């Protein structure tokens, strides 16, 4: 056994660390998926339908009727907010009992669903039957842990690149994985599952290119893939853009660390990277719509009749009931909607007083750590640049999101903390670096991580 373990460590040096993280993530998320089977109000009705169609390599367009398999999932599971009728014993299910006129009104780039859906359907074909009734949705939810672990692997690579200890990175990650927004995103069907791997891969690619000057193309490729998976991954791209700007300013002022000054990429390469990142941000916002319109014009796919009249749709009215105003875009509370990206819907099956209390405490701890890191670094090195870029990204992104939707749809979309999940890998770096430097921060973060994780365990038992 010892020889096998030694061989494993030798061949997979990050294997033991990933095993520890898997033991923290998989059992807890699996129990959460089992305990909270009802459908989340975070748009999961639409995501489930797109997952099921994506599992057949089909793309959803607004106005289509929901497929029968989706409606069956709805009536078997129920909803966390609405009172839905149970599945009838005989006969066809009336889809309008569960969604407005039985049609799909949401729209999203299909790539997350085209990846997760077929894998979930393949897992469903195994002898393992997951409730309710051998559900593909349960498999899709469980795959959230796989997306998360992929992102955590990239996050560990970032820590190595910045010479942070594994112990500090495990502590920081352990603190973050059970915060409400990330925990909920990892245990329901939704494209936010791609935020951590996309954000971590984007930051890792940027840091690697900055250090070596090689694989410039990889920065653009990772940014484009992240933008394709979920438009809100543009927040992580913005973070890297700001980081590169801060590093350029550091070199200009000669206040950066000597290693980075000596290995500074050429100005032409920096401009190419910035152009690729800006293009990726644009594609995150407009790319799928433009591509879909081209498919329609080329007669590759047929546009369905779109549902425009939502006057009597109470679900759709939740999004559009607030008219856009200057105050909502630039109000005092708007910049702090994602700072930090922790707050989220907590399912009633997991809503316990200890978890809610520790979740609130974790937000205060994170704000304190970010403030301490900002004051302590003074933009002298890469950690300081990451701290500054993360802070600015989290503060300006809510206003940018409000303005984007205002200009495109004339509606007000309230920015949610989960839109900033792509910055969590950078937050892990900030927390790890701070706990390495200050013993007091290490003690506070350790207490917060243990308390939050144990309270989450209490919620699922």
Protein backbone atom coordinates (compact mmCIF):
# COMPACT_ATOMS: atom_id res chain seq x y z
CA UNK A 1 0.00 0.00 0.00
CA UNK A 2 2.81 2.40 0.87
CA UNK A 3 4.50 1.69 -2.44
CA UNK A 4 1.29 2.37 -4.33
CA UNK A 5 0.81 5.63 -2.45
CA UNK A 6 4.42 6.66 -3.09
CA UNK A 7 4.01 5.90 -6.79
CA UNK A 8 0.78 7.90 -6.85
CA UNK A 9 2.44 10.91 -5.20
CA UNK A 10 5.44 10.69 -7.52
CA UNK A 11 3.36 10.52 -10.69
CA UNK A 12 0.64 12.92 -9.53
CA UNK A 13 2.26 15.48 -7.20
CA UNK A 14 -1.02 17.37 -6.85
CA UNK A 15 -2.98 14.15 -6.39
CA UNK A 16 -3.04 14.11 -2.57
CA UNK A 17 -4.19 17.73 -2.44
CA UNK A 18 -6.92 17.10 -5.00
CA UNK A 19 -7.97 14.01 -3.05
CA UNK A 20 -8.40 16.13 0.08
CA UNK A 21 -10.45 18.68 -1.87
CA UNK A 22 -12.57 15.92 -3.43
CA UNK A 23 -13.29 14.52 0.03
CA UNK A 24 -14.44 17.98 1.10
CA UNK A 25 -16.55 18.67 -2.00
CA UNK A 26 -18.11 15.44 -3.28
CA UNK A 27 -19.78 14.03 -0.13
CA UNK A 28 -21.16 17.40 0.96
CA UNK A 29 -22.48 18.31 -2.48
CA UNK A 30 -23.89 14.82 -2.96
CA UNK A 31 -25.82 15.07 0.30
CA UNK A 32 -27.09 18.53 -0.66
CA UNK A 33 -28.33 17.23 -4.03
CA UNK A 34 -30.06 14.34 -2.25
CA UNK A 35 -31.68 16.47 0.46
CA UNK A 36 -32.80 19.36 -1.73
CA UNK A 37 -34.40 17.71 -4.75
CA UNK A 38 -36.94 20.47 -5.52
CA UNK A 39 -36.25 22.92 -8.32
CA UNK A 40 -34.35 26.11 -7.54
CA UNK A 41 -35.89 29.50 -8.36
CA UNK A 42 -32.53 30.48 -9.90
CA UNK A 43 -33.93 29.79 -13.40
CA UNK A 44 -33.49 26.03 -13.00
CA UNK A 45 -36.70 25.21 -14.87
CA UNK A 46 -35.17 26.59 -18.06
CA UNK A 47 -31.77 25.07 -17.34
CA UNK A 48 -33.28 21.61 -16.84
CA UNK A 49 -35.07 21.77 -20.17
CA UNK A 50 -31.88 22.90 -21.90
CA UNK A 51 -29.89 20.16 -20.16
CA UNK A 52 -32.30 17.49 -21.37
CA UNK A 53 -32.30 18.82 -24.94
CA UNK A 54 -28.53 19.30 -24.80
CA UNK A 55 -28.16 15.65 -23.78
CA UNK A 56 -29.61 14.84 -27.21
CA UNK A 57 -27.32 17.44 -28.87
CA UNK A 58 -30.27 19.75 -29.50
CA UNK A 59 -30.37 23.53 -28.98
CA UNK A 60 -33.27 25.35 -27.34
CA UNK A 61 -34.77 28.57 -28.68
CA UNK A 62 -37.38 30.69 -26.86
CA UNK A 63 -40.95 29.88 -27.74
CA UNK A 64 -40.46 26.13 -28.07
CA UNK A 65 -42.61 23.79 -26.05
CA UNK A 66 -40.88 22.23 -23.09
CA UNK A 67 -40.09 18.57 -23.72
CA UNK A 68 -42.12 15.95 -21.84
CA UNK A 69 -39.07 14.69 -19.95
CA UNK A 70 -38.57 18.17 -18.49
CA UNK A 71 -42.20 18.48 -17.41
CA UNK A 72 -41.98 15.05 -15.78
CA UNK A 73 -38.97 16.27 -13.78
CA UNK A 74 -40.93 19.35 -12.70
CA UNK A 75 -43.92 17.47 -11.37
CA UNK A 76 -41.79 14.84 -9.64
CA UNK A 77 -39.59 17.35 -7.88
CA UNK A 78 -41.78 20.33 -7.12
CA UNK A 79 -40.56 23.90 -6.81
CA UNK A 80 -38.95 25.71 -3.89
CA UNK A 81 -41.21 28.76 -4.31
CA UNK A 82 -44.30 27.77 -6.28
CA UNK A 83 -47.01 25.22 -5.51
CA UNK A 84 -47.02 22.81 -8.42
CA UNK A 85 -49.48 19.92 -8.80
CA UNK A 86 -48.16 16.40 -8.35
CA UNK A 87 -47.71 14.13 -11.34
CA UNK A 88 -51.02 12.59 -12.46
CA UNK A 89 -51.37 8.83 -12.15
CA UNK A 90 -52.58 8.47 -15.72
CA UNK A 91 -52.69 10.53 -18.88
CA UNK A 92 -50.60 13.35 -20.27
CA UNK A 93 -49.18 16.07 -18.03
CA UNK A 94 -50.39 19.59 -18.74
CA UNK A 95 -47.17 21.57 -19.18
CA UNK A 96 -48.93 24.89 -18.56
CA UNK A 97 -49.41 23.84 -14.92
CA UNK A 98 -45.65 24.19 -14.43
CA UNK A 99 -44.38 26.83 -16.87
CA UNK A 100 -46.12 29.67 -18.65
CA UNK A 101 -48.07 28.16 -21.57
CA UNK A 102 -45.70 25.19 -21.42
CA UNK A 103 -43.03 27.00 -23.41
CA UNK A 104 -39.38 27.88 -22.94
CA UNK A 105 -38.90 31.61 -22.42
CA UNK A 106 -35.23 31.61 -21.41
CA UNK A 107 -32.23 31.57 -23.71
CA UNK A 108 -28.56 30.84 -23.11
CA UNK A 109 -25.52 29.77 -25.05
CA UNK A 110 -25.83 25.98 -25.38
CA UNK A 111 -22.25 24.84 -24.80
CA UNK A 112 -22.50 24.07 -21.07
CA UNK A 113 -25.60 21.98 -21.77
CA UNK A 114 -24.01 20.25 -24.77
CA UNK A 115 -21.13 19.16 -22.49
CA UNK A 116 -22.95 18.34 -19.26
CA UNK A 117 -26.10 16.91 -20.85
CA UNK A 118 -24.56 14.00 -22.81
CA UNK A 119 -22.33 13.08 -19.86
CA UNK A 120 -25.34 13.08 -17.53
CA UNK A 121 -27.32 10.90 -19.95
CA UNK A 122 -24.40 8.48 -20.28
CA UNK A 123 -24.16 8.22 -16.49
CA UNK A 124 -27.90 7.67 -16.34
CA UNK A 125 -27.49 4.60 -18.56
CA UNK A 126 -25.33 2.92 -15.90
CA UNK A 127 -26.89 0.47 -13.40
CA UNK A 128 -26.91 3.24 -10.77
CA UNK A 129 -30.44 4.63 -10.43
CA UNK A 130 -30.64 8.04 -8.78
CA UNK A 131 -33.90 9.43 -7.38
CA UNK A 132 -36.37 10.54 -8.39
CA UNK A 133 -36.99 7.79 -10.92
CA UNK A 134 -33.46 7.47 -12.38
CA UNK A 135 -33.20 11.21 -13.01
CA UNK A 136 -30.86 12.80 -15.54
CA UNK A 137 -31.22 16.05 -13.58
CA UNK A 138 -29.71 14.46 -10.47
CA UNK A 139 -26.70 13.41 -12.53
CA UNK A 140 -26.48 16.92 -13.98
CA UNK A 141 -26.48 18.38 -10.49
CA UNK A 142 -23.81 15.96 -9.28
CA UNK A 143 -21.61 16.92 -12.21
CA UNK A 144 -21.40 20.35 -10.62
CA UNK A 145 -18.79 18.85 -8.29
CA UNK A 146 -16.72 17.78 -11.31
CA UNK A 147 -16.81 21.30 -12.74
CA UNK A 148 -15.84 22.68 -9.34
CA UNK A 149 -12.92 20.28 -8.86
CA UNK A 150 -11.62 21.15 -12.31
CA UNK A 151 -11.63 24.80 -11.30
CA UNK A 152 -9.95 24.00 -7.99
CA UNK A 153 -7.17 22.17 -9.83
CA UNK A 154 -6.49 25.28 -11.91
CA UNK A 155 -6.63 27.35 -8.72
CA UNK A 156 -3.93 25.17 -7.15
CA UNK A 157 -1.79 25.74 -10.23
CA UNK A 158 -2.20 29.48 -9.74
CA UNK A 159 -1.04 29.13 -6.15
CA UNK A 160 2.06 27.24 -7.30
CA UNK A 161 2.82 29.92 -9.88
CA UNK A 162 2.66 32.56 -7.14
CA UNK A 163 4.75 30.46 -4.71
CA UNK A 164 1.90 30.04 -2.22
CA UNK A 165 1.94 26.98 0.03
CA UNK A 166 -0.47 24.10 -0.55
CA UNK A 167 -1.65 24.36 3.04
CA UNK A 168 -2.62 28.01 2.62
CA UNK A 169 -4.42 27.25 -0.66
CA UNK A 170 -6.37 24.36 0.90
CA UNK A 171 -7.43 26.63 3.77
CA UNK A 172 -8.58 29.36 1.37
CA UNK A 173 -10.43 26.92 -0.87
CA UNK A 174 -12.02 25.19 2.11
CA UNK A 175 -13.31 28.56 3.25
CA UNK A 176 -14.84 29.37 -0.15
CA UNK A 177 -16.40 26.12 -1.37
CA UNK A 178 -19.36 26.25 1.03
CA UNK A 179 -20.23 29.93 0.67
CA UNK A 180 -23.91 30.12 -0.40
CA UNK A 181 -23.51 31.25 -4.02
CA UNK A 182 -20.82 28.72 -4.88
CA UNK A 183 -22.44 25.86 -2.96
CA UNK A 184 -25.83 26.43 -4.59
CA UNK A 185 -24.33 26.79 -8.07
CA UNK A 186 -22.47 23.50 -7.61
CA UNK A 187 -25.59 21.56 -6.63
CA UNK A 188 -28.19 22.61 -9.22
CA UNK A 189 -28.30 22.52 -13.01
CA UNK A 190 -27.01 25.90 -14.18
CA UNK A 191 -24.21 27.41 -16.31
CA UNK A 192 -22.72 29.04 -13.20
CA UNK A 193 -21.02 25.67 -12.67
CA UNK A 194 -18.51 26.81 -15.30
CA UNK A 195 -17.54 30.00 -13.44
CA UNK A 196 -14.79 28.52 -11.25
CA UNK A 197 -12.96 26.54 -13.99
CA UNK A 198 -13.33 29.44 -16.44
CA UNK A 199 -12.17 32.08 -13.96
CA UNK A 200 -9.26 29.96 -12.72
CA UNK A 201 -8.15 28.95 -16.22
CA UNK A 202 -8.31 32.57 -17.37
CA UNK A 203 -6.17 33.84 -14.49
CA UNK A 204 -3.74 30.92 -14.81
CA UNK A 205 -3.30 31.52 -18.55
CA UNK A 206 -2.71 35.23 -17.99
CA UNK A 207 -0.16 34.69 -15.23
CA UNK A 208 1.65 31.96 -17.17
CA UNK A 209 1.91 34.12 -20.27
CA UNK A 210 3.10 37.10 -18.24
CA UNK A 211 5.84 35.01 -16.62
CA UNK A 212 7.08 33.07 -19.65
CA UNK A 213 6.04 35.20 -22.60
CA UNK A 214 4.97 32.02 -24.39
CA UNK A 215 1.62 30.55 -25.48
CA UNK A 216 0.01 33.89 -26.10
CA UNK A 217 -2.66 32.09 -28.13
CA UNK A 218 -3.68 30.12 -25.04
CA UNK A 219 -4.83 33.30 -23.27
CA UNK A 220 -7.19 34.09 -26.12
CA UNK A 221 -8.43 30.51 -26.43
CA UNK A 222 -9.23 30.21 -22.71
CA UNK A 223 -11.01 33.57 -22.73
CA UNK A 224 -13.11 32.60 -25.75
CA UNK A 225 -14.05 29.24 -24.23
CA UNK A 226 -15.04 30.86 -20.94
CA UNK A 227 -17.11 33.47 -22.75
CA UNK A 228 -18.85 30.75 -24.77
CA UNK A 229 -19.80 28.73 -21.69
CA UNK A 230 -21.50 31.57 -19.81
CA UNK A 231 -21.72 35.33 -20.49
CA UNK A 232 -21.13 36.13 -16.81
CA UNK A 233 -17.65 34.64 -17.19
CA UNK A 234 -16.83 38.00 -18.76
CA UNK A 235 -16.35 39.18 -15.16
CA UNK A 236 -13.27 36.93 -14.89
CA UNK A 237 -11.98 38.24 -18.22
CA UNK A 238 -12.41 41.80 -16.96
CA UNK A 239 -10.39 40.88 -13.86
CA UNK A 240 -7.46 39.70 -15.98
CA UNK A 241 -7.68 42.83 -18.13
CA UNK A 242 -7.46 45.04 -15.05
CA UNK A 243 -4.64 42.90 -13.64
CA UNK A 244 -2.57 43.32 -16.80
CA UNK A 245 -3.20 47.06 -16.69
CA UNK A 246 -2.03 47.24 -13.08
CA UNK A 247 1.09 45.22 -13.90
CA UNK A 248 1.90 47.54 -16.79
CA UNK A 249 1.56 50.49 -14.41
CA UNK A 250 3.80 48.75 -11.86
CA UNK A 251 6.53 48.31 -14.44
CA UNK A 252 6.18 51.90 -15.57
CA UNK A 253 6.56 53.12 -12.01
CA UNK A 254 9.35 50.58 -11.35
CA UNK A 255 7.48 49.47 -8.23
CA UNK A 256 6.86 45.85 -9.29
CA UNK A 257 8.97 42.93 -8.15
CA UNK A 258 12.29 42.53 -9.98
CA UNK A 259 11.35 39.20 -11.56
CA UNK A 260 8.28 40.63 -13.27
CA UNK A 261 10.17 43.71 -14.50
CA UNK A 262 12.87 41.55 -16.10
CA UNK A 263 10.35 39.21 -17.71
CA UNK A 264 7.85 41.82 -18.85
CA UNK A 265 6.19 40.81 -22.14
CA UNK A 266 6.76 43.05 -25.13
CA UNK A 267 4.35 45.91 -25.73
CA UNK A 268 3.08 44.39 -28.97
CA UNK A 269 2.25 41.11 -27.28
CA UNK A 270 0.48 42.95 -24.49
CA UNK A 271 -1.70 44.78 -27.00
CA UNK A 272 -2.58 41.49 -28.72
CA UNK A 273 -3.62 39.94 -25.40
CA UNK A 274 -5.71 42.97 -24.47
CA UNK A 275 -7.42 42.87 -27.88
CA UNK A 276 -8.20 39.15 -27.46
CA UNK A 277 -9.64 39.72 -23.99
CA UNK A 278 -11.78 42.64 -25.15
CA UNK A 279 -13.06 40.47 -28.03
CA UNK A 280 -13.87 37.70 -25.55
CA UNK A 281 -15.84 40.12 -23.37
CA UNK A 282 -17.84 41.19 -26.44
CA UNK A 283 -18.48 37.59 -27.44
CA UNK A 284 -19.62 36.79 -23.92
CA UNK A 285 -22.31 39.42 -24.30
CA UNK A 286 -23.22 39.10 -27.98
CA UNK A 287 -21.45 36.07 -29.44
CA UNK A 288 -24.15 33.41 -29.20
CA UNK A 289 -26.89 35.78 -30.38
CA UNK A 290 -24.85 36.72 -33.45
CA UNK A 291 -23.95 33.09 -34.21
CA UNK A 292 -27.56 31.96 -33.78
CA UNK A 293 -28.79 34.70 -36.12
CA UNK A 294 -26.26 33.53 -38.71
CA UNK A 295 -27.55 29.95 -38.38
CA UNK A 296 -31.08 31.22 -38.99
CA UNK A 297 -30.05 33.20 -42.06
CA UNK A 298 -28.06 30.25 -43.42
CA UNK A 299 -31.14 28.05 -42.90
CA UNK A 300 -29.12 25.67 -40.72
CA UNK A 301 -31.73 25.78 -37.98
CA UNK A 302 -35.25 27.12 -38.03
CA UNK A 303 -36.20 29.90 -35.62
CA UNK A 304 -39.15 29.01 -33.46
CA UNK A 305 -42.00 31.39 -32.83
CA UNK A 306 -40.74 33.59 -30.04
CA UNK A 307 -42.77 34.34 -26.98
CA UNK A 308 -42.94 38.10 -26.64
CA UNK A 309 -46.11 38.65 -24.63
CA UNK A 310 -45.23 38.21 -20.96
CA UNK A 311 -47.96 40.50 -19.60
CA UNK A 312 -49.61 37.61 -17.78
CA UNK A 313 -46.46 35.66 -16.94
CA UNK A 314 -45.71 36.17 -13.22
CA UNK A 315 -42.30 34.49 -13.50
CA UNK A 316 -41.11 36.70 -16.34
CA UNK A 317 -42.50 39.78 -14.61
CA UNK A 318 -40.13 39.21 -11.69
CA UNK A 319 -37.27 40.27 -13.98
CA UNK A 320 -39.01 43.21 -15.62
CA UNK A 321 -41.14 44.63 -12.84
CA UNK A 322 -38.59 47.34 -11.96
CA UNK A 323 -38.10 50.11 -14.55
CA UNK A 324 -34.48 51.09 -15.21
CA UNK A 325 -33.36 54.24 -13.40
CA UNK A 326 -30.11 56.10 -12.89
CA UNK A 327 -30.38 55.37 -9.18
CA UNK A 328 -30.50 51.63 -9.73
CA UNK A 329 -27.45 51.73 -12.00
CA UNK A 330 -25.34 54.07 -9.89
CA UNK A 331 -26.93 53.77 -6.45
CA UNK A 332 -24.86 53.26 -3.33
CA UNK A 333 -25.78 49.58 -2.93
CA UNK A 334 -25.24 48.54 -6.57
CA UNK A 335 -21.40 48.38 -6.50
CA UNK A 336 -21.53 46.06 -3.48
CA UNK A 337 -23.93 43.51 -5.02
CA UNK A 338 -21.02 41.13 -5.70
CA UNK A 339 -18.62 42.20 -2.97
CA UNK A 340 -17.86 39.46 -2.13
CA UNK A 341 -19.76 37.02 -4.43
CA UNK A 342 -21.22 34.96 -1.59
CA UNK A 343 -24.93 35.75 -1.19
CA UNK A 344 -27.45 33.47 -2.86
CA UNK A 345 -30.72 31.66 -2.50
CA UNK A 346 -30.51 28.98 0.21
CA UNK A 347 -32.91 26.04 -0.37
CA UNK A 348 -35.43 25.57 2.42
CA UNK A 349 -34.14 22.03 3.01
CA UNK A 350 -30.68 23.43 3.76
CA UNK A 351 -31.77 26.63 5.48
CA UNK A 352 -30.64 26.34 9.09
CA UNK A 353 -29.79 29.03 11.62
CA UNK A 354 -26.14 27.90 12.06
CA UNK A 355 -25.45 27.91 8.32
CA UNK A 356 -27.10 31.29 7.77
CA UNK A 357 -25.10 32.76 10.67
CA UNK A 358 -21.78 31.37 9.48
CA UNK A 359 -22.54 32.44 5.89
CA UNK A 360 -23.03 36.01 7.11
CA UNK A 361 -19.81 35.76 9.12
CA UNK A 362 -17.91 34.45 6.08
CA UNK A 363 -18.85 37.55 4.13
CA UNK A 364 -17.47 39.81 6.87
CA UNK A 365 -14.30 37.71 7.07
CA UNK A 366 -13.77 37.93 3.31
CA UNK A 367 -14.23 41.70 3.29
CA UNK A 368 -11.76 42.02 6.16
CA UNK A 369 -9.18 39.83 4.43
CA UNK A 370 -9.50 41.78 1.17
CA UNK A 371 -9.08 45.06 3.07
CA UNK A 372 -6.04 43.70 4.93
CA UNK A 373 -4.49 42.43 1.70
CA UNK A 374 -5.10 45.77 -0.03
CA UNK A 375 -3.51 47.78 2.77
CA UNK A 376 -0.64 45.34 3.19
CA UNK A 377 0.40 44.89 -0.43
CA UNK A 378 0.34 48.50 -1.66
CA UNK A 379 0.55 47.23 -5.25
CA UNK A 380 4.16 46.12 -4.89
CA UNK A 381 3.85 42.67 -6.46
CA UNK A 382 1.60 40.25 -8.34
CA UNK A 383 -0.51 39.47 -5.26
CA UNK A 384 -1.13 43.18 -4.80
CA UNK A 385 -2.10 43.53 -8.45
CA UNK A 386 -4.51 40.58 -8.18
CA UNK A 387 -6.03 42.07 -5.03
CA UNK A 388 -6.55 45.45 -6.68
CA UNK A 389 -7.93 43.91 -9.88
CA UNK A 390 -10.33 41.66 -7.96
CA UNK A 391 -11.62 44.51 -5.81
CA UNK A 392 -12.19 46.84 -8.76
CA UNK A 393 -13.82 44.06 -10.82
CA UNK A 394 -16.28 43.18 -8.06
CA UNK A 395 -17.17 46.84 -7.51
CA UNK A 396 -17.68 47.93 -11.13
CA UNK A 397 -19.21 44.75 -12.61
CA UNK A 398 -22.71 45.20 -11.09
CA UNK A 399 -23.06 48.65 -12.64
CA UNK A 400 -21.74 47.41 -15.99
CA UNK A 401 -24.26 44.54 -15.96
CA UNK A 402 -27.14 46.92 -15.17
CA UNK A 403 -26.09 49.28 -17.96
CA UNK A 404 -25.71 46.45 -20.48
CA UNK A 405 -29.22 45.15 -19.89
CA UNK A 406 -30.59 48.66 -19.75
CA UNK A 407 -29.14 49.50 -23.17
CA UNK A 408 -30.09 46.16 -24.75
CA UNK A 409 -33.57 45.55 -23.33
CA UNK A 410 -34.60 48.77 -21.53
CA UNK A 411 -35.16 46.61 -18.45
CA UNK A 412 -33.50 46.53 -15.06
CA UNK A 413 -31.80 43.26 -14.18
CA UNK A 414 -30.76 43.22 -10.56
CA UNK A 415 -27.11 42.11 -10.39
CA UNK A 416 -26.70 38.95 -8.34
CA UNK A 417 -23.65 37.91 -6.35
CA UNK A 418 -23.41 34.68 -8.37
CA UNK A 419 -22.47 36.71 -11.45
CA UNK A 420 -19.11 37.28 -9.77
CA UNK A 421 -18.26 33.62 -9.13
CA UNK A 422 -15.53 33.80 -11.76
CA UNK A 423 -13.49 35.90 -9.32
CA UNK A 424 -13.49 33.19 -6.61
CA UNK A 425 -10.12 31.69 -7.75
CA UNK A 426 -8.55 35.14 -7.38
CA UNK A 427 -10.17 35.45 -3.95
CA UNK A 428 -8.60 32.11 -2.99
CA UNK A 429 -5.19 33.51 -3.92
CA UNK A 430 -5.79 36.67 -1.89
CA UNK A 431 -6.96 34.73 1.17
CA UNK A 432 -4.06 32.25 0.94
CA UNK A 433 -1.47 35.01 0.64
CA UNK A 434 -2.98 36.94 3.54
CA UNK A 435 -3.12 33.93 5.84
CA UNK A 436 0.53 33.20 5.06
CA UNK A 437 1.55 36.72 6.00
CA UNK A 438 -0.60 37.36 9.08
CA UNK A 439 -1.18 34.77 11.80
CA UNK A 440 -4.30 36.61 12.99
CA UNK A 441 -5.84 36.31 9.52
CA UNK A 442 -4.95 32.63 9.44
CA UNK A 443 -6.75 32.02 12.74
CA UNK A 444 -9.87 33.94 11.69
CA UNK A 445 -10.09 32.24 8.28
CA UNK A 446 -9.55 28.82 9.85
CA UNK A 447 -12.36 29.39 12.34
CA UNK A 448 -14.61 30.67 9.55
CA UNK A 449 -13.83 27.75 7.25
CA UNK A 450 -14.41 25.12 9.94
CA UNK A 451 -17.57 26.78 11.23
CA UNK A 452 -19.07 27.25 7.77
CA UNK A 453 -18.27 23.70 6.65
CA UNK A 454 -19.60 22.10 9.84
CA UNK A 455 -22.77 24.20 9.67
CA UNK A 456 -23.25 23.03 6.07
CA UNK A 457 -22.84 19.43 7.21
CA UNK A 458 -25.43 20.10 9.91
CA UNK A 459 -27.80 21.36 7.18
CA UNK A 460 -27.64 18.13 5.18
CA UNK A 461 -28.04 15.74 8.13
